[in-house]
Amino acid sequence: MVFRPEAYPADLPAFRVPEFPVAVCWNGWMLDHLTDLLDDDVAGRLLWSSDPAATPDPDPWGI
């Protein structure tokens, strides 16, 4: 799966990708909000970032 920065819906709280329609991809700001609300009941795994210092999860769908 490839994320293109110009097509990335950063203003939306979440989105789905056609290749994996059963998964919800939360944007970072919404994940922060959910973590504040739900504490340990939510887990975040980085799929993509425009920040070169960020390291994506090697197995983001592995639950």
PDB file of N, CA and C in Angstrom:
ATOM      1  N   MET A   1       0.842  -1.152   0.000  1.00  0.00           N
ATOM      2  CA  MET A   1       0.000   0.000   0.000  1.00  0.00           C
ATOM      3  C   MET A   1       0.904   1.237   0.000  1.00  0.00           C
ATOM      4  N   VAL A   2       0.575   2.203  -0.817  1.00  0.00           N
ATOM      5  CA  VAL A   2       1.356   3.431  -0.921  1.00  0.00           C
ATOM      6  C   VAL A   2       0.460   4.613  -0.607  1.00  0.00           C
ATOM      7  N   PHE A   3       0.924   5.486   0.295  1.00  0.00           N
ATOM      8  CA  PHE A   3       0.195   6.713   0.605  1.00  0.00           C
ATOM      9  C   PHE A   3       0.861   7.862  -0.133  1.00  0.00           C
ATOM     10  N   ARG A   4       0.061   8.620  -0.851  1.00  0.00           N
ATOM     11  CA  ARG A   4       0.562   9.807  -1.534  1.00  0.00           C
ATOM     12  C   ARG A   4       0.190  11.025  -0.697  1.00  0.00           C
ATOM     13  N   PRO A   5       1.142  11.852  -0.316  1.00  0.00           N
ATOM     14  CA  PRO A   5       0.840  13.011   0.534  1.00  0.00           C
ATOM     15  C   PRO A   5      -0.255  13.913  -0.022  1.00  0.00           C
ATOM     16  N   GLU A   6      -0.305  14.090  -1.330  1.00  0.00           N
ATOM     17  CA  GLU A   6      -1.311  14.977  -1.923  1.00  0.00           C
ATOM     18  C   GLU A   6      -2.719  14.374  -1.889  1.00  0.00           C
ATOM     19  N   ALA A   7      -2.822  13.061  -1.720  1.00  0.00           N
ATOM     20  CA  ALA A   7      -4.125  12.400  -1.672  1.00  0.00           C
ATOM     21  C   ALA A   7      -4.535  12.000  -0.262  1.00  0.00           C
ATOM     22  N   TYR A   8      -3.668  12.224   0.700  1.00  0.00           N
ATOM     23  CA  TYR A   8      -3.915  11.819   2.078  1.00  0.00           C
ATOM     24  C   TYR A   8      -4.944  12.746   2.733  1.00  0.00           C
ATOM     25  N   PRO A   9      -6.038  12.210   3.276  1.00  0.00           N
ATOM     26  CA  PRO A   9      -7.106  13.046   3.843  1.00  0.00           C
ATOM     27  C   PRO A   9      -6.817  13.476   5.288  1.00  0.00           C
ATOM     28  N   ALA A  10      -5.822  14.329   5.488  1.00  0.00           N
ATOM     29  CA  ALA A  10      -5.382  14.725   6.830  1.00  0.00           C
ATOM     30  C   ALA A  10      -6.440  15.486   7.614  1.00  0.00           C
ATOM     31  N   ASP A  11      -7.389  16.111   6.930  1.00  0.00           N
ATOM     32  CA  ASP A  11      -8.410  16.886   7.630  1.00  0.00           C
ATOM     33  C   ASP A  11      -9.553  16.017   8.148  1.00  0.00           C
ATOM     34  N   LEU A  12      -9.664  14.784   7.675  1.00  0.00           N
ATOM     35  CA  LEU A  12     -10.711  13.869   8.137  1.00  0.00           C
ATOM     36  C   LEU A  12     -10.222  13.085   9.350  1.00  0.00           C
ATOM     37  N   PRO A  13     -11.114  12.711  10.269  1.00  0.00           N
ATOM     38  CA  PRO A  13     -10.680  11.939  11.433  1.00  0.00           C
ATOM     39  C   PRO A  13     -10.235  10.520  11.084  1.00  0.00           C
ATOM     40  N   ALA A  14     -10.827   9.937  10.042  1.00  0.00           N
ATOM     41  CA  ALA A  14     -10.493   8.557   9.675  1.00  0.00           C
ATOM     42  C   ALA A  14     -10.787   8.344   8.195  1.00  0.00           C
ATOM     43  N   PHE A  15     -10.227   7.263   7.646  1.00  0.00           N
ATOM     44  CA  PHE A  15     -10.483   6.903   6.257  1.00  0.00           C
ATOM     45  C   PHE A  15     -10.248   5.412   6.089  1.00  0.00           C
ATOM     46  N   ARG A  16     -10.686   4.880   4.976  1.00  0.00           N
ATOM     47  CA  ARG A  16     -10.445   3.473   4.620  1.00  0.00           C
ATOM     48  C   ARG A  16      -9.701   3.437   3.287  1.00  0.00           C
ATOM     49  N   VAL A  17      -8.956   2.388   3.097  1.00  0.00           N
ATOM     50  CA  VAL A  17      -8.284   2.192   1.813  1.00  0.00           C
ATOM     51  C   VAL A  17      -8.962   1.035   1.093  1.00  0.00           C
ATOM     52  N   PRO A  18      -9.127   1.129  -0.213  1.00  0.00           N
ATOM     53  CA  PRO A  18      -9.829   0.080  -0.963  1.00  0.00           C
ATOM     54  C   PRO A  18      -9.206  -1.308  -0.816  1.00  0.00           C
ATOM     55  N   GLU A  19      -7.886  -1.379  -0.628  1.00  0.00           N
ATOM     56  CA  GLU A  19      -7.210  -2.668  -0.527  1.00  0.00           C
ATOM     57  C   GLU A  19      -7.524  -3.408   0.775  1.00  0.00           C
ATOM     58  N   PHE A  20      -8.005  -2.686   1.783  1.00  0.00           N
ATOM     59  CA  PHE A  20      -8.307  -3.305   3.074  1.00  0.00           C
ATOM     60  C   PHE A  20      -9.537  -2.616   3.667  1.00  0.00           C
ATOM     61  N   PRO A  21     -10.708  -2.875   3.092  1.00  0.00           N
ATOM     62  CA  PRO A  21     -11.916  -2.124   3.460  1.00  0.00           C
ATOM     63  C   PRO A  21     -12.458  -2.403   4.859  1.00  0.00           C
ATOM     64  N   VAL A  22     -11.996  -3.437   5.535  1.00  0.00           N
ATOM     65  CA  VAL A  22     -12.514  -3.721   6.881  1.00  0.00           C
ATOM     66  C   VAL A  22     -11.753  -2.960   7.962  1.00  0.00           C
ATOM     67  N   ALA A  23     -10.655  -2.311   7.599  1.00  0.00           N
ATOM     68  CA  ALA A  23      -9.848  -1.572   8.570  1.00  0.00           C
ATOM     69  C   ALA A  23     -10.153  -0.082   8.485  1.00  0.00           C
ATOM     70  N   VAL A  24     -10.063   0.575   9.600  1.00  0.00           N
ATOM     71  CA  VAL A  24     -10.205   2.029   9.662  1.00  0.00           C
ATOM     72  C   VAL A  24      -8.839   2.611   9.969  1.00  0.00           C
ATOM     73  N   CYS A  25      -8.416   3.566   9.179  1.00  0.00           N
ATOM     74  CA  CYS A  25      -7.154   4.258   9.416  1.00  0.00           C
ATOM     75  C   CYS A  25      -7.475   5.598  10.069  1.00  0.00           C
ATOM     76  N   TRP A  26      -7.060   5.778  11.313  1.00  0.00           N
ATOM     77  CA  TRP A  26      -7.283   7.022  12.040  1.00  0.00           C
ATOM     78  C   TRP A  26      -6.112   7.954  11.790  1.00  0.00           C
ATOM     79  N   ASN A  27      -6.394   9.220  11.606  1.00  0.00           N
ATOM     80  CA  ASN A  27      -5.329  10.205  11.513  1.00  0.00           C
ATOM     81  C   ASN A  27      -4.773  10.469  12.905  1.00  0.00           C
ATOM     82  N   GLY A  28      -3.524  10.919  12.962  1.00  0.00           N
ATOM     83  CA  GLY A  28      -2.832  11.097  14.224  1.00  0.00           C
ATOM     84  C   GLY A  28      -3.572  11.966  15.220  1.00  0.00           C
ATOM     85  N   TRP A  29      -4.148  13.068  14.770  1.00  0.00           N
ATOM     86  CA  TRP A  29      -4.844  13.960  15.700  1.00  0.00           C
ATOM     87  C   TRP A  29      -6.079  13.294  16.289  1.00  0.00           C
ATOM     88  N   MET A  30      -6.753  12.452  15.510  1.00  0.00           N
ATOM     89  CA  MET A  30      -7.929  11.754  16.031  1.00  0.00           C
ATOM     90  C   MET A  30      -7.508  10.621  16.967  1.00  0.00           C
ATOM     91  N   LEU A  31      -6.414   9.947  16.665  1.00  0.00           N
ATOM     92  CA  LEU A  31      -5.904   8.914  17.563  1.00  0.00           C
ATOM     93  C   LEU A  31      -5.552   9.518  18.920  1.00  0.00           C
ATOM     94  N   ASP A  32      -4.934  10.696  18.912  1.00  0.00           N
ATOM     95  CA  ASP A  32      -4.629  11.375  20.177  1.00  0.00           C
ATOM     96  C   ASP A  32      -5.904  11.648  20.963  1.00  0.00           C
ATOM     97  N   HIS A  33      -6.940  12.093  20.290  1.00  0.00           N
ATOM     98  CA  HIS A  33      -8.230  12.366  20.940  1.00  0.00           C
ATOM     99  C   HIS A  33      -8.846  11.069  21.503  1.00  0.00           C
ATOM    100  N   LEU A  34      -8.825   9.996  20.706  1.00  0.00           N
ATOM    101  CA  LEU A  34      -9.371   8.716  21.167  1.00  0.00           C
ATOM    102  C   LEU A  34      -8.589   8.170  22.360  1.00  0.00           C
ATOM    103  N   THR A  35      -7.265   8.329  22.322  1.00  0.00           N
ATOM    104  CA  THR A  35      -6.441   7.859  23.437  1.00  0.00           C
ATOM    105  C   THR A  35      -6.772   8.629  24.710  1.00  0.00           C
ATOM    106  N   ASP A  36      -7.011   9.922  24.589  1.00  0.00           N
ATOM    107  CA  ASP A  36      -7.410  10.720  25.750  1.00  0.00           C
ATOM    108  C   ASP A  36      -8.730  10.226  26.326  1.00  0.00           C
ATOM    109  N   LEU A  37      -9.642   9.828  25.455  1.00  0.00           N
ATOM    110  CA  LEU A  37     -10.963   9.367  25.894  1.00  0.00           C
ATOM    111  C   LEU A  37     -10.965   7.925  26.402  1.00  0.00           C
ATOM    112  N   LEU A  38     -10.211   7.055  25.732  1.00  0.00           N
ATOM    113  CA  LEU A  38     -10.317   5.621  25.972  1.00  0.00           C
ATOM    114  C   LEU A  38      -9.105   4.996  26.657  1.00  0.00           C
ATOM    115  N   ASP A  39      -8.079   5.746  26.907  1.00  0.00           N
ATOM    116  CA  ASP A  39      -6.852   5.257  27.542  1.00  0.00           C
ATOM    117  C   ASP A  39      -6.305   4.016  26.836  1.00  0.00           C
ATOM    118  N   ASP A  40      -6.219   2.905  27.544  1.00  0.00           N
ATOM    119  CA  ASP A  40      -5.614   1.682  27.006  1.00  0.00           C
ATOM    120  C   ASP A  40      -6.558   0.854  26.139  1.00  0.00           C
ATOM    121  N   ASP A  41      -7.778   1.323  25.925  1.00  0.00           N
ATOM    122  CA  ASP A  41      -8.729   0.568  25.112  1.00  0.00           C
ATOM    123  C   ASP A  41      -8.551   0.806  23.615  1.00  0.00           C
ATOM    124  N   VAL A  42      -7.564   1.577  23.254  1.00  0.00           N
ATOM    125  CA  VAL A  42      -7.275   1.817  21.846  1.00  0.00           C
ATOM    126  C   VAL A  42      -5.762   1.727  21.654  1.00  0.00           C
ATOM    127  N   ALA A  43      -5.368   1.138  20.530  1.00  0.00           N
ATOM    128  CA  ALA A  43      -3.943   1.013  20.210  1.00  0.00           C
ATOM    129  C   ALA A  43      -3.684   1.674  18.873  1.00  0.00           C
ATOM    130  N   GLY A  44      -2.611   2.402  18.787  1.00  0.00           N
ATOM    131  CA  GLY A  44      -2.248   3.055  17.532  1.00  0.00           C
ATOM    132  C   GLY A  44      -1.017   2.414  16.927  1.00  0.00           C
ATOM    133  N   ARG A  45      -1.059   2.233  15.620  1.00  0.00           N
ATOM    134  CA  ARG A  45       0.088   1.701  14.879  1.00  0.00           C
ATOM    135  C   ARG A  45       0.309   2.596  13.673  1.00  0.00           C
ATOM    136  N   LEU A  46       1.497   3.088  13.536  1.00  0.00           N
ATOM    137  CA  LEU A  46       1.811   4.019  12.466  1.00  0.00           C
ATOM    138  C   LEU A  46       1.912   3.294  11.123  1.00  0.00           C
ATOM    139  N   LEU A  47       1.113   3.747  10.161  1.00  0.00           N
ATOM    140  CA  LEU A  47       1.172   3.207   8.804  1.00  0.00           C
ATOM    141  C   LEU A  47       2.071   4.045   7.910  1.00  0.00           C
ATOM    142  N   TRP A  48       1.958   5.355   8.056  1.00  0.00           N
ATOM    143  CA  TRP A  48       2.655   6.273   7.158  1.00  0.00           C
ATOM    144  C   TRP A  48       2.808   7.606   7.854  1.00  0.00           C
ATOM    145  N   SER A  49       3.882   8.315   7.545  1.00  0.00           N
ATOM    146  CA  SER A  49       4.087   9.654   8.068  1.00  0.00           C
ATOM    147  C   SER A  49       4.935  10.442   7.090  1.00  0.00           C
ATOM    148  N   SER A  50       4.656  11.732   6.993  1.00  0.00           N
ATOM    149  CA  SER A  50       5.504  12.600   6.179  1.00  0.00           C
ATOM    150  C   SER A  50       6.762  13.003   6.944  1.00  0.00           C
ATOM    151  N   ASP A  51       6.811  12.678   8.235  1.00  0.00           N
ATOM    152  CA  ASP A  51       7.975  12.951   9.076  1.00  0.00           C
ATOM    153  C   ASP A  51       9.017  11.857   8.845  1.00  0.00           C
ATOM    154  N   PRO A  52      10.176  12.208   8.292  1.00  0.00           N
ATOM    155  CA  PRO A  52      11.187  11.181   8.016  1.00  0.00           C
ATOM    156  C   PRO A  52      11.750  10.522   9.276  1.00  0.00           C
ATOM    157  N   ALA A  53      11.579  11.137  10.437  1.00  0.00           N
ATOM    158  CA  ALA A  53      12.076  10.552  11.679  1.00  0.00           C
ATOM    159  C   ALA A  53      11.109   9.523  12.263  1.00  0.00           C
ATOM    160  N   ALA A  54       9.875   9.494  11.780  1.00  0.00           N
ATOM    161  CA  ALA A  54       8.875   8.544  12.283  1.00  0.00           C
ATOM    162  C   ALA A  54       9.111   7.167  11.665  1.00  0.00           C
ATOM    163  N   THR A  55       8.980   6.139  12.474  1.00  0.00           N
ATOM    164  CA  THR A  55       9.188   4.766  11.998  1.00  0.00           C
ATOM    165  C   THR A  55       7.840   4.045  11.950  1.00  0.00           C
ATOM    166  N   PRO A  56       7.380   3.654  10.746  1.00  0.00           N
ATOM    167  CA  PRO A  56       6.120   2.912  10.650  1.00  0.00           C
ATOM    168  C   PRO A  56       6.207   1.556  11.340  1.00  0.00           C
ATOM    169  N   ASP A  57       5.085   1.080  11.818  1.00  0.00           N
ATOM    170  CA  ASP A  57       5.002  -0.236  12.450  1.00  0.00           C
ATOM    171  C   ASP A  57       5.315  -1.297  11.400  1.00  0.00           C
ATOM    172  N   PRO A  58       6.169  -2.287  11.700  1.00  0.00           N
ATOM    173  CA  PRO A  58       6.515  -3.298  10.704  1.00  0.00           C
ATOM    174  C   PRO A  58       5.360  -4.245  10.385  1.00  0.00           C
ATOM    175  N   ASP A  59       4.389  -4.372  11.260  1.00  0.00           N
ATOM    176  CA  ASP A  59       3.240  -5.253  11.040  1.00  0.00           C
ATOM    177  C   ASP A  59       1.964  -4.568  11.541  1.00  0.00           C
ATOM    178  N   PRO A  60       1.521  -3.499  10.866  1.00  0.00           N
ATOM    179  CA  PRO A  60       0.412  -2.702  11.393  1.00  0.00           C
ATOM    180  C   PRO A  60      -0.917  -3.443  11.486  1.00  0.00           C
ATOM    181  N   TRP A  61      -1.130  -4.459  10.699  1.00  0.00           N
ATOM    182  CA  TRP A  61      -2.412  -5.174  10.732  1.00  0.00           C
ATOM    183  C   TRP A  61      -2.359  -6.391  11.653  1.00  0.00           C
ATOM    184  N   GLY A  62      -1.197  -6.712  12.190  1.00  0.00           N
ATOM    185  CA  GLY A  62      -1.063  -7.868  13.071  1.00  0.00           C
ATOM    186  C   GLY A  62      -1.650  -7.591  14.447  1.00  0.00           C
ATOM    187  N   ILE A  63      -2.752  -8.195  14.721  1.00  0.00           N
ATOM    188  CA  ILE A  63      -3.447  -7.956  15.993  1.00  0.00           C
ATOM    189  C   ILE A  63      -3.405  -9.231  16.819  1.00  0.00           C
TER     190      ILE A  63
END
